[in-house]
Amino acid sequence: MTDLVNPMAAEYAGLHTSSLDEVLTKLEANTINAHPHAQMLSGPVQGKFLEMISRMIQPERILEIGTFTGYSALCLCKGLVPGGVLHTIELREADRATAMDYFKQANVEAQIQSHVGDALEIIPALSETWDLVFLDADKVNYINYYEMILPSLRQGGWLLADNVLFHGEVLNAPVTGKNAKAMEAFNAHVLADERVEQVMLTVRDGLTLIRKL
């Protein structure tokens, strides 16, 4: 994995970012120590960024594609307005169960509706208009998720796509590897889409913030 940000700068950023709450700190430690894919965790800097974006938008309906162990959902739900709901979709039942446990520990289970299964099948069944979407699932389907979501994203609504730099592999010439090629295609797809405007940020593994026009 390429260091896209100077490790000293990344450490400095972490030291100068507000601390996350006790449940998130516990969830981060347990995921790092026990999960074989712990690198998928958003981490405290990206987590605080997600929280602040959500607080700025003050969404009523959030969709998250890719729950993992629940870290990003806990960050995102902090910006929900009273009565707001976050729907989160996870393919693996074991990860969903872990996330549900932490949602209960954080006393936000009433704000979060957790779904398990194939997101391409679940999303069409959700009759919602989204204010904020966080896309962090299988890379080969990013364009499919994007096209499925965009019609139900409100005008002026926001979509955050994670891993858009894919460990720096999208910077290679030529781009190789299935996931890196998928992310390169997704990035080009969004850039050419006149229905949206976007900014790509070099936060962690790359985040693109997209606004529907």
Protein backbone atom coordinates (compact mmCIF):
# COMPACT_ATOMS: atom_id res chain seq x y z
CA MET A 1 0.00 0.00 0.00
CA THR A 2 1.39 3.38 -1.04
CA ASP A 3 1.68 6.11 1.61
CA LEU A 4 -0.38 8.82 -0.11
CA VAL A 5 0.09 11.13 2.85
CA ASN A 6 3.36 11.60 4.68
CA PRO A 7 3.03 9.28 7.74
CA MET A 8 4.28 12.08 10.01
CA ALA A 9 1.62 14.41 8.61
CA ALA A 10 -1.04 11.74 9.11
CA GLU A 11 0.05 11.27 12.71
CA TYR A 12 0.10 15.04 13.24
CA ALA A 13 -3.42 15.32 11.80
CA GLY A 14 -4.61 12.63 14.20
CA LEU A 15 -3.09 14.43 17.16
CA HIS A 16 -4.87 17.63 16.14
CA THR A 17 -8.28 16.05 15.55
CA SER A 18 -10.94 16.00 18.27
CA SER A 19 -11.19 12.69 20.07
CA LEU A 20 -14.06 10.35 19.31
CA ASP A 21 -16.36 8.97 21.99
CA GLU A 22 -15.76 5.96 24.21
CA VAL A 23 -17.81 3.52 22.11
CA LEU A 24 -16.00 4.45 18.89
CA THR A 25 -12.63 4.19 20.62
CA LYS A 26 -13.54 0.72 21.90
CA LEU A 27 -14.88 -0.33 18.49
CA GLU A 28 -11.70 0.82 16.76
CA ALA A 29 -9.45 -1.08 19.18
CA ASN A 30 -11.49 -4.28 19.01
CA THR A 31 -11.66 -4.21 15.20
CA ILE A 32 -7.90 -3.66 14.89
CA ASN A 33 -7.15 -6.44 17.35
CA ALA A 34 -9.67 -9.04 16.17
CA HIS A 35 -10.79 -8.47 12.58
CA PRO A 36 -8.75 -9.89 9.67
CA HIS A 37 -9.74 -6.92 7.49
CA ALA A 38 -9.20 -4.18 10.07
CA GLN A 39 -7.69 -1.91 7.40
CA MET A 40 -11.26 -1.32 6.17
CA LEU A 41 -12.05 0.72 9.29
CA SER A 42 -12.47 4.45 8.63
CA GLY A 43 -10.33 5.48 11.60
CA PRO A 44 -10.53 8.57 13.82
CA VAL A 45 -9.60 11.31 11.32
CA GLN A 46 -11.94 10.10 8.58
CA GLY A 47 -14.54 9.24 11.21
CA LYS A 48 -14.53 12.77 12.61
CA PHE A 49 -14.70 14.12 9.06
CA LEU A 50 -17.79 11.99 8.36
CA GLU A 51 -19.36 13.19 11.60
CA MET A 52 -18.72 16.85 10.79
CA ILE A 53 -20.06 16.52 7.23
CA SER A 54 -23.21 14.93 8.63
CA ARG A 55 -23.57 17.64 11.28
CA MET A 56 -23.23 20.34 8.60
CA ILE A 57 -25.83 18.73 6.34
CA GLN A 58 -28.19 17.77 9.20
CA PRO A 59 -29.75 14.93 7.19
CA GLU A 60 -33.08 13.28 7.84
CA ARG A 61 -32.27 10.18 5.79
CA ILE A 62 -28.80 8.65 5.41
CA LEU A 63 -27.90 5.58 3.36
CA GLU A 64 -24.65 3.73 4.03
CA ILE A 65 -23.56 0.96 1.67
CA GLY A 66 -21.03 -1.14 3.54
CA THR A 67 -21.51 -1.25 7.33
CA PHE A 68 -18.40 -3.28 8.22
CA THR A 69 -18.23 -3.17 12.06
CA GLY A 70 -20.35 -0.03 12.37
CA TYR A 71 -17.72 2.66 12.90
CA SER A 72 -18.70 4.99 10.05
CA ALA A 73 -22.43 4.57 10.77
CA LEU A 74 -21.89 5.70 14.35
CA CYS A 75 -20.02 8.76 13.08
CA LEU A 76 -22.61 9.62 10.43
CA CYS A 77 -25.65 9.25 12.67
CA LYS A 78 -24.37 12.01 14.97
CA GLY A 79 -25.64 14.57 12.43
CA LEU A 80 -29.16 13.18 12.06
CA VAL A 81 -31.99 15.55 12.86
CA PRO A 82 -34.49 14.42 15.55
CA GLY A 83 -36.52 11.58 14.07
CA GLY A 84 -33.92 10.96 11.38
CA VAL A 85 -32.88 7.47 10.30
CA LEU A 86 -29.71 5.92 8.90
CA HIS A 87 -30.10 2.80 6.76
CA THR A 88 -26.94 0.72 6.54
CA ILE A 89 -26.35 -2.36 4.38
CA GLU A 90 -23.81 -5.10 5.04
CA LEU A 91 -23.20 -8.28 3.05
CA ARG A 92 -21.69 -10.30 5.91
CA GLU A 93 -23.93 -11.30 8.82
CA ALA A 94 -21.01 -11.54 11.27
CA ASP A 95 -20.00 -7.92 10.66
CA ARG A 96 -23.61 -6.78 10.87
CA ALA A 97 -23.98 -8.52 14.24
CA THR A 98 -20.86 -6.77 15.54
CA ALA A 99 -22.16 -3.41 14.33
CA MET A 100 -25.56 -3.97 15.94
CA ASP A 101 -23.88 -4.63 19.28
CA TYR A 102 -22.05 -1.31 19.13
CA PHE A 103 -25.18 0.54 17.97
CA LYS A 104 -26.84 -0.69 21.17
CA GLN A 105 -23.84 0.31 23.29
CA ALA A 106 -24.05 3.81 21.81
CA ASN A 107 -27.84 3.93 22.41
CA VAL A 108 -28.55 4.74 18.75
CA GLU A 109 -30.18 1.48 17.64
CA ALA A 110 -33.51 3.32 17.25
CA GLN A 111 -31.89 5.66 14.70
CA ILE A 112 -30.26 2.94 12.61
CA GLN A 113 -31.95 0.38 10.41
CA SER A 114 -29.51 -2.41 9.58
CA HIS A 115 -29.93 -4.58 6.49
CA VAL A 116 -27.94 -7.69 5.57
CA GLY A 117 -27.54 -9.00 2.04
CA ASP A 118 -26.81 -7.80 -1.48
CA ALA A 119 -27.10 -4.01 -1.62
CA LEU A 120 -28.08 -4.12 -5.29
CA GLU A 121 -31.18 -6.04 -4.24
CA ILE A 122 -31.88 -4.14 -1.02
CA ILE A 123 -31.56 -0.53 -2.25
CA PRO A 124 -34.52 -0.64 -4.71
CA ALA A 125 -36.79 -1.87 -1.90
CA LEU A 126 -36.01 1.17 0.30
CA SER A 127 -38.63 3.81 -0.43
CA GLU A 128 -36.64 6.81 0.75
CA THR A 129 -35.29 10.09 -0.54
CA TRP A 130 -31.72 10.37 0.65
CA ASP A 131 -30.06 13.50 2.01
CA LEU A 132 -26.65 11.87 2.45
CA VAL A 133 -25.16 8.64 1.10
CA PHE A 134 -21.87 7.01 2.10
CA LEU A 135 -20.60 4.51 -0.46
CA ASP A 136 -18.00 2.09 0.89
CA ALA A 137 -18.73 -1.34 -0.57
CA ASP A 138 -17.37 -3.66 -3.28
CA LYS A 139 -15.49 -1.54 -5.77
CA VAL A 140 -16.54 -3.34 -8.95
CA ASN A 141 -20.14 -2.22 -8.36
CA TYR A 142 -19.49 1.42 -7.49
CA ILE A 143 -20.93 2.68 -10.79
CA ASN A 144 -23.95 0.41 -10.39
CA TYR A 145 -24.57 1.67 -6.84
CA TYR A 146 -24.09 5.26 -7.96
CA GLU A 147 -26.59 5.00 -10.81
CA MET A 148 -29.08 3.19 -8.58
CA ILE A 149 -28.82 5.80 -5.83
CA LEU A 150 -28.70 9.06 -7.76
CA PRO A 151 -32.41 9.18 -8.74
CA SER A 152 -33.42 8.88 -5.08
CA LEU A 153 -30.84 11.40 -3.83
CA ARG A 154 -32.61 14.70 -3.29
CA GLN A 155 -31.62 17.72 -5.37
CA GLY A 156 -28.76 19.33 -3.47
CA GLY A 157 -28.15 16.04 -1.66
CA TRP A 158 -24.70 14.63 -0.96
CA LEU A 159 -22.86 11.40 -1.71
CA LEU A 160 -19.49 10.48 -0.22
CA ALA A 161 -17.54 7.78 -2.06
CA ASP A 162 -14.68 6.12 -0.18
CA ASN A 163 -11.44 4.53 -1.44
CA VAL A 164 -11.37 6.57 -4.65
CA LEU A 165 -7.56 6.46 -4.68
CA PHE A 166 -7.53 2.73 -3.87
CA HIS A 167 -4.19 2.53 -2.07
CA GLY A 168 -2.66 4.80 -4.71
CA GLU A 169 -3.15 2.19 -7.42
CA VAL A 170 -5.28 4.54 -9.55
CA LEU A 171 -2.13 6.67 -9.95
CA ASN A 172 -0.28 3.92 -11.80
CA ALA A 173 0.13 3.93 -15.57
CA PRO A 174 -1.35 1.65 -16.63
CA VAL A 175 -3.80 0.93 -13.83
CA THR A 176 -3.84 -2.80 -13.06
CA GLY A 177 -5.94 -4.93 -10.77
CA LYS A 178 -9.71 -5.41 -10.79
CA ASN A 179 -10.52 -3.03 -7.94
CA ALA A 180 -8.17 -0.27 -9.04
CA LYS A 181 -9.59 -0.40 -12.57
CA ALA A 182 -13.09 -0.24 -11.14
CA MET A 183 -12.23 2.83 -9.09
CA GLU A 184 -10.54 4.52 -12.05
CA ALA A 185 -13.71 3.90 -14.09
CA PHE A 186 -15.91 5.20 -11.28
CA ASN A 187 -13.84 8.37 -10.89
CA ALA A 188 -14.06 9.04 -14.64
CA HIS A 189 -17.80 8.30 -14.61
CA VAL A 190 -18.50 10.86 -11.88
CA LEU A 191 -16.23 13.46 -13.46
CA ALA A 192 -18.17 13.22 -16.73
CA ASP A 193 -21.60 13.32 -15.07
CA GLU A 194 -23.27 16.70 -15.62
CA ARG A 195 -25.90 15.90 -12.99
CA VAL A 196 -23.41 16.43 -10.18
CA GLU A 197 -20.41 18.42 -9.03
CA GLN A 198 -17.61 16.89 -7.00
CA VAL A 199 -14.35 17.37 -5.17
CA MET A 200 -11.85 14.57 -4.56
CA LEU A 201 -10.11 14.76 -1.20
CA THR A 202 -6.87 13.05 -0.19
CA VAL A 203 -8.28 11.96 3.17
CA ARG A 204 -7.00 8.47 4.08
CA ASP A 205 -7.62 6.35 0.95
CA GLY A 206 -9.37 9.13 -0.93
CA LEU A 207 -12.91 10.49 -0.53
CA THR A 208 -14.98 12.13 -3.26
CA LEU A 209 -17.69 14.49 -2.05
CA ILE A 210 -20.44 14.66 -4.66
CA ARG A 211 -23.42 17.06 -4.75
CA LYS A 212 -26.46 16.42 -6.91
CA LEU A 213 -27.35 19.52 -8.93
